[in-house]
Amino acid sequence: MPARKAKLEPRLPLWSRPGYLVRRLHQLNFALWLEELGHANVTPVQYGVLTALSIRGEQDQTTLADEVGIDRTNVAEVLSRLEVRKLVRRKENPADRRARLASLTPKGRALMTSLFPAMQRSQDRLLAPLTQKERDLFMATLVRLIEANNEYGRATLRSD
């Protein structure tokens, strides 16, 4: 999409509101995600869950929700969709029969491997206007803001 010509009028006060800018950046990130990974029919949240399972291995749904920063109901719905596609499997937790354990299937692991370059391209495209030093500072600032305000989220994100 071509860039619009800059107007001479001052920017709206929205441009001084971090919440507005974060929401707008999220929209742009999602658009880039769809351009790079839309063919795979995997949302960023689903990819996050697959990533957590890929790195951490088998996890119960509560731990997985904390790892990704979504509530338990949403993680259960995400896992159900991924299970239907045979990307994850769930089983009863022998240590707690009320809990379920999730793990990647070989198909899920293969999908993660095949999608990684496209995911990385979407992230690189988002940060392309920044120098490496600016990228490092931007990422460190995002992490700092998230950790400092984590308690206000609908779901707590485990940040260790």
C-alpha atoms as a PDB file:
ATOM      1  CA  MET A   1       0.000   0.000   0.000  1.00  0.00           C
ATOM      2  CA  PRO A   2       1.591   3.347  -0.978  1.00  0.00           C
ATOM      3  CA  ALA A   3       2.391   5.872   1.727  1.00  0.00           C
ATOM      4  CA  ARG A   4       0.078   8.837   1.954  1.00  0.00           C
ATOM      5  CA  LYS A   5       1.412  12.318   1.390  1.00  0.00           C
ATOM      6  CA  ALA A   6       2.277  14.130   4.589  1.00  0.00           C
ATOM      7  CA  LYS A   7      -0.234  16.825   5.484  1.00  0.00           C
ATOM      8  CA  LEU A   8       0.762  20.209   6.792  1.00  0.00           C
ATOM      9  CA  GLU A   9      -1.800  20.030   9.599  1.00  0.00           C
ATOM     10  CA  PRO A  10      -0.581  19.068  13.063  1.00  0.00           C
ATOM     11  CA  ARG A  11      -1.120  15.480  14.127  1.00  0.00           C
ATOM     12  CA  LEU A  12      -4.138  14.614  16.194  1.00  0.00           C
ATOM     13  CA  PRO A  13      -3.615  14.329  19.964  1.00  0.00           C
ATOM     14  CA  LEU A  14      -3.987  10.564  19.473  1.00  0.00           C
ATOM     15  CA  TRP A  15      -0.344  10.526  18.357  1.00  0.00           C
ATOM     16  CA  SER A  16       0.701  11.493  21.884  1.00  0.00           C
ATOM     17  CA  ARG A  17      -1.209   8.575  23.480  1.00  0.00           C
ATOM     18  CA  PRO A  18       0.860   5.406  23.923  1.00  0.00           C
ATOM     19  CA  GLY A  19      -2.230   3.177  24.057  1.00  0.00           C
ATOM     20  CA  TYR A  20      -3.404   4.424  20.678  1.00  0.00           C
ATOM     21  CA  LEU A  21       0.057   3.956  19.159  1.00  0.00           C
ATOM     22  CA  VAL A  22       0.416   0.440  20.610  1.00  0.00           C
ATOM     23  CA  ARG A  23      -3.004  -0.517  19.203  1.00  0.00           C
ATOM     24  CA  ARG A  24      -2.061   0.893  15.798  1.00  0.00           C
ATOM     25  CA  LEU A  25       1.294  -0.903  15.851  1.00  0.00           C
ATOM     26  CA  HIS A  26      -0.559  -4.127  16.681  1.00  0.00           C
ATOM     27  CA  GLN A  27      -2.765  -3.606  13.605  1.00  0.00           C
ATOM     28  CA  LEU A  28       0.293  -3.097  11.430  1.00  0.00           C
ATOM     29  CA  ASN A  29       1.997  -6.151  12.918  1.00  0.00           C
ATOM     30  CA  PHE A  30      -1.079  -8.265  12.195  1.00  0.00           C
ATOM     31  CA  ALA A  31      -1.221  -7.002   8.588  1.00  0.00           C
ATOM     32  CA  LEU A  32       2.418  -7.963   8.076  1.00  0.00           C
ATOM     33  CA  TRP A  33       1.743 -11.322   9.742  1.00  0.00           C
ATOM     34  CA  LEU A  34      -1.090 -12.009   7.301  1.00  0.00           C
ATOM     35  CA  GLU A  35       1.063 -11.088   4.316  1.00  0.00           C
ATOM     36  CA  GLU A  36       3.805 -13.471   5.390  1.00  0.00           C
ATOM     37  CA  LEU A  37       1.833 -16.277   7.080  1.00  0.00           C
ATOM     38  CA  GLY A  38      -1.772 -15.904   5.934  1.00  0.00           C
ATOM     39  CA  HIS A  39      -1.405 -18.988   3.744  1.00  0.00           C
ATOM     40  CA  ALA A  40      -0.750 -21.120   6.848  1.00  0.00           C
ATOM     41  CA  ASN A  41      -4.018 -20.259   8.600  1.00  0.00           C
ATOM     42  CA  VAL A  42      -2.212 -19.761  11.931  1.00  0.00           C
ATOM     43  CA  THR A  43      -2.883 -16.723  14.112  1.00  0.00           C
ATOM     44  CA  PRO A  44      -0.118 -14.985  16.078  1.00  0.00           C
ATOM     45  CA  VAL A  45      -1.618 -16.363  19.317  1.00  0.00           C
ATOM     46  CA  GLN A  46      -1.663 -19.895  17.918  1.00  0.00           C
ATOM     47  CA  TYR A  47       1.930 -19.452  16.780  1.00  0.00           C
ATOM     48  CA  GLY A  48       2.819 -18.253  20.284  1.00  0.00           C
ATOM     49  CA  VAL A  49       1.287 -21.370  21.828  1.00  0.00           C
ATOM     50  CA  LEU A  50       3.096 -23.588  19.324  1.00  0.00           C
ATOM     51  CA  THR A  51       6.348 -21.746  20.090  1.00  0.00           C
ATOM     52  CA  ALA A  52       5.938 -22.238  23.846  1.00  0.00           C
ATOM     53  CA  LEU A  53       5.289 -25.954  23.360  1.00  0.00           C
ATOM     54  CA  SER A  54       8.213 -26.191  20.966  1.00  0.00           C
ATOM     55  CA  ILE A  55      10.617 -24.644  23.460  1.00  0.00           C
ATOM     56  CA  ARG A  56       9.229 -25.805  26.821  1.00  0.00           C
ATOM     57  CA  GLY A  57       7.865 -29.180  25.788  1.00  0.00           C
ATOM     58  CA  GLU A  58       4.736 -30.688  27.289  1.00  0.00           C
ATOM     59  CA  GLN A  59       2.847 -28.247  29.528  1.00  0.00           C
ATOM     60  CA  ASP A  60      -0.416 -28.111  31.384  1.00  0.00           C
ATOM     61  CA  GLN A  61      -2.903 -25.567  30.106  1.00  0.00           C
ATOM     62  CA  THR A  62      -2.530 -23.230  33.104  1.00  0.00           C
ATOM     63  CA  THR A  63       1.243 -23.065  32.746  1.00  0.00           C
ATOM     64  CA  LEU A  64       0.889 -22.580  29.006  1.00  0.00           C
ATOM     65  CA  ALA A  65      -1.607 -19.738  29.527  1.00  0.00           C
ATOM     66  CA  ASP A  66       0.858 -18.013  31.878  1.00  0.00           C
ATOM     67  CA  GLU A  67       3.720 -18.604  29.450  1.00  0.00           C
ATOM     68  CA  VAL A  68       1.910 -16.949  26.542  1.00  0.00           C
ATOM     69  CA  GLY A  69      -0.061 -14.367  28.543  1.00  0.00           C
ATOM     70  CA  ILE A  70      -3.602 -15.448  27.666  1.00  0.00           C
ATOM     71  CA  ASP A  71      -6.328 -16.669  29.977  1.00  0.00           C
ATOM     72  CA  ARG A  72      -6.984 -20.375  30.533  1.00  0.00           C
ATOM     73  CA  THR A  73     -10.267 -20.344  28.610  1.00  0.00           C
ATOM     74  CA  ASN A  74      -8.571 -18.879  25.547  1.00  0.00           C
ATOM     75  CA  VAL A  75      -5.649 -21.296  25.728  1.00  0.00           C
ATOM     76  CA  ALA A  76      -8.119 -24.196  25.860  1.00  0.00           C
ATOM     77  CA  GLU A  77      -9.884 -22.865  22.744  1.00  0.00           C
ATOM     78  CA  VAL A  78      -6.581 -22.329  20.924  1.00  0.00           C
ATOM     79  CA  LEU A  79      -5.454 -25.842  21.827  1.00  0.00           C
ATOM     80  CA  SER A  80      -8.759 -27.295  20.623  1.00  0.00           C
ATOM     81  CA  ARG A  81      -8.307 -25.646  17.218  1.00  0.00           C
ATOM     82  CA  LEU A  82      -4.700 -26.830  17.010  1.00  0.00           C
ATOM     83  CA  GLU A  83      -5.693 -30.331  18.114  1.00  0.00           C
ATOM     84  CA  VAL A  84      -8.322 -30.573  15.354  1.00  0.00           C
ATOM     85  CA  ARG A  85      -5.536 -29.771  12.873  1.00  0.00           C
ATOM     86  CA  LYS A  86      -3.358 -32.442  14.562  1.00  0.00           C
ATOM     87  CA  LEU A  87      -0.678 -29.874  15.448  1.00  0.00           C
ATOM     88  CA  VAL A  88      -0.927 -30.590  19.186  1.00  0.00           C
ATOM     89  CA  ARG A  89      -2.145 -33.462  21.308  1.00  0.00           C
ATOM     90  CA  ARG A  90      -3.678 -33.231  24.740  1.00  0.00           C
ATOM     91  CA  LYS A  91      -3.917 -35.863  27.406  1.00  0.00           C
ATOM     92  CA  GLU A  92      -4.948 -36.133  31.005  1.00  0.00           C
ATOM     93  CA  ASN A  93      -2.250 -35.135  33.494  1.00  0.00           C
ATOM     94  CA  PRO A  94      -1.462 -38.208  35.625  1.00  0.00           C
ATOM     95  CA  ALA A  95      -0.402 -35.937  38.507  1.00  0.00           C
ATOM     96  CA  ASP A  96      -3.720 -34.000  38.430  1.00  0.00           C
ATOM     97  CA  ARG A  97      -6.645 -35.673  36.692  1.00  0.00           C
ATOM     98  CA  ARG A  98      -8.450 -32.314  36.411  1.00  0.00           C
ATOM     99  CA  ALA A  99      -5.623 -30.853  34.322  1.00  0.00           C
ATOM    100  CA  ARG A 100      -4.662 -31.595  30.748  1.00  0.00           C
ATOM    101  CA  LEU A 101      -1.199 -31.678  29.250  1.00  0.00           C
ATOM    102  CA  ALA A 102      -0.489 -30.366  25.757  1.00  0.00           C
ATOM    103  CA  SER A 103       2.423 -31.183  23.480  1.00  0.00           C
ATOM    104  CA  LEU A 104       3.420 -30.654  19.863  1.00  0.00           C
ATOM    105  CA  THR A 105       2.846 -33.439  17.387  1.00  0.00           C
ATOM    106  CA  PRO A 106       5.417 -34.187  14.698  1.00  0.00           C
ATOM    107  CA  LYS A 107       3.103 -32.336  12.280  1.00  0.00           C
ATOM    108  CA  GLY A 108       3.074 -29.327  14.640  1.00  0.00           C
ATOM    109  CA  ARG A 109       6.869 -29.355  14.929  1.00  0.00           C
ATOM    110  CA  ALA A 110       7.203 -29.557  11.127  1.00  0.00           C
ATOM    111  CA  LEU A 111       4.811 -26.625  10.722  1.00  0.00           C
ATOM    112  CA  MET A 112       6.824 -24.543  13.208  1.00  0.00           C
ATOM    113  CA  THR A 113      10.008 -25.280  11.291  1.00  0.00           C
ATOM    114  CA  SER A 114       8.449 -24.427   7.933  1.00  0.00           C
ATOM    115  CA  LEU A 115       6.821 -21.190   9.175  1.00  0.00           C
ATOM    116  CA  PHE A 116       9.782 -19.798  11.087  1.00  0.00           C
ATOM    117  CA  PRO A 117      11.352 -17.927   8.138  1.00  0.00           C
ATOM    118  CA  ALA A 118       8.027 -16.237   7.260  1.00  0.00           C
ATOM    119  CA  MET A 119       7.396 -15.339  10.913  1.00  0.00           C
ATOM    120  CA  GLN A 120      10.881 -13.847  11.150  1.00  0.00           C
ATOM    121  CA  ARG A 121      10.315 -11.857   7.949  1.00  0.00           C
ATOM    122  CA  SER A 122       7.118 -10.364   9.377  1.00  0.00           C
ATOM    123  CA  GLN A 123       8.973  -9.285  12.517  1.00  0.00           C
ATOM    124  CA  ASP A 124      11.934  -7.932  10.529  1.00  0.00           C
ATOM    125  CA  ARG A 125       9.595  -5.958   8.280  1.00  0.00           C
ATOM    126  CA  LEU A 126       7.892  -4.400  11.294  1.00  0.00           C
ATOM    127  CA  LEU A 127      11.224  -3.228  12.708  1.00  0.00           C
ATOM    128  CA  ALA A 128      12.869  -2.396   9.362  1.00  0.00           C
ATOM    129  CA  PRO A 129      12.638   1.404   9.832  1.00  0.00           C
ATOM    130  CA  LEU A 130      14.806   1.150  12.972  1.00  0.00           C
ATOM    131  CA  THR A 131      18.562   0.793  13.249  1.00  0.00           C
ATOM    132  CA  GLN A 132      19.849  -2.213  15.185  1.00  0.00           C
ATOM    133  CA  LYS A 133      20.519   0.012  18.198  1.00  0.00           C
ATOM    134  CA  GLU A 134      16.964   1.408  18.007  1.00  0.00           C
ATOM    135  CA  ARG A 135      15.554  -2.115  17.676  1.00  0.00           C
ATOM    136  CA  ASP A 136      17.421  -3.262  20.779  1.00  0.00           C
ATOM    137  CA  LEU A 137      16.216  -0.232  22.735  1.00  0.00           C
ATOM    138  CA  PHE A 138      12.646  -0.614  21.452  1.00  0.00           C
ATOM    139  CA  MET A 139      12.525  -4.284  22.449  1.00  0.00           C
ATOM    140  CA  ALA A 140      14.052  -3.600  25.874  1.00  0.00           C
ATOM    141  CA  THR A 141      11.534  -0.793  26.416  1.00  0.00           C
ATOM    142  CA  LEU A 142       8.605  -3.023  25.428  1.00  0.00           C
ATOM    143  CA  VAL A 143       9.750  -5.734  27.845  1.00  0.00           C
ATOM    144  CA  ARG A 144      10.170  -3.168  30.621  1.00  0.00           C
ATOM    145  CA  LEU A 145       6.673  -1.752  30.070  1.00  0.00           C
ATOM    146  CA  ILE A 146       5.107  -5.213  29.985  1.00  0.00           C
ATOM    147  CA  GLU A 147       6.895  -6.389  33.121  1.00  0.00           C
ATOM    148  CA  ALA A 148       6.050  -3.182  35.009  1.00  0.00           C
ATOM    149  CA  ASN A 149       2.349  -3.362  34.076  1.00  0.00           C
ATOM    150  CA  ASN A 150       1.872  -7.133  33.870  1.00  0.00           C
ATOM    151  CA  GLU A 151      -0.490  -7.252  36.860  1.00  0.00           C
ATOM    152  CA  TYR A 152      -3.081  -5.188  34.965  1.00  0.00           C
ATOM    153  CA  GLY A 153      -3.509  -7.655  32.128  1.00  0.00           C
ATOM    154  CA  ARG A 154      -6.470 -10.011  31.913  1.00  0.00           C
ATOM    155  CA  ALA A 155      -3.953 -12.818  32.076  1.00  0.00           C
ATOM    156  CA  THR A 156      -0.617 -12.667  33.811  1.00  0.00           C
ATOM    157  CA  LEU A 157       2.373 -13.268  31.596  1.00  0.00           C
ATOM    158  CA  ARG A 158       5.192 -15.272  33.095  1.00  0.00           C
ATOM    159  CA  SER A 159       8.271 -13.223  32.223  1.00  0.00           C
ATOM    160  CA  ASP A 160      11.119 -15.319  33.598  1.00  0.00           C
END
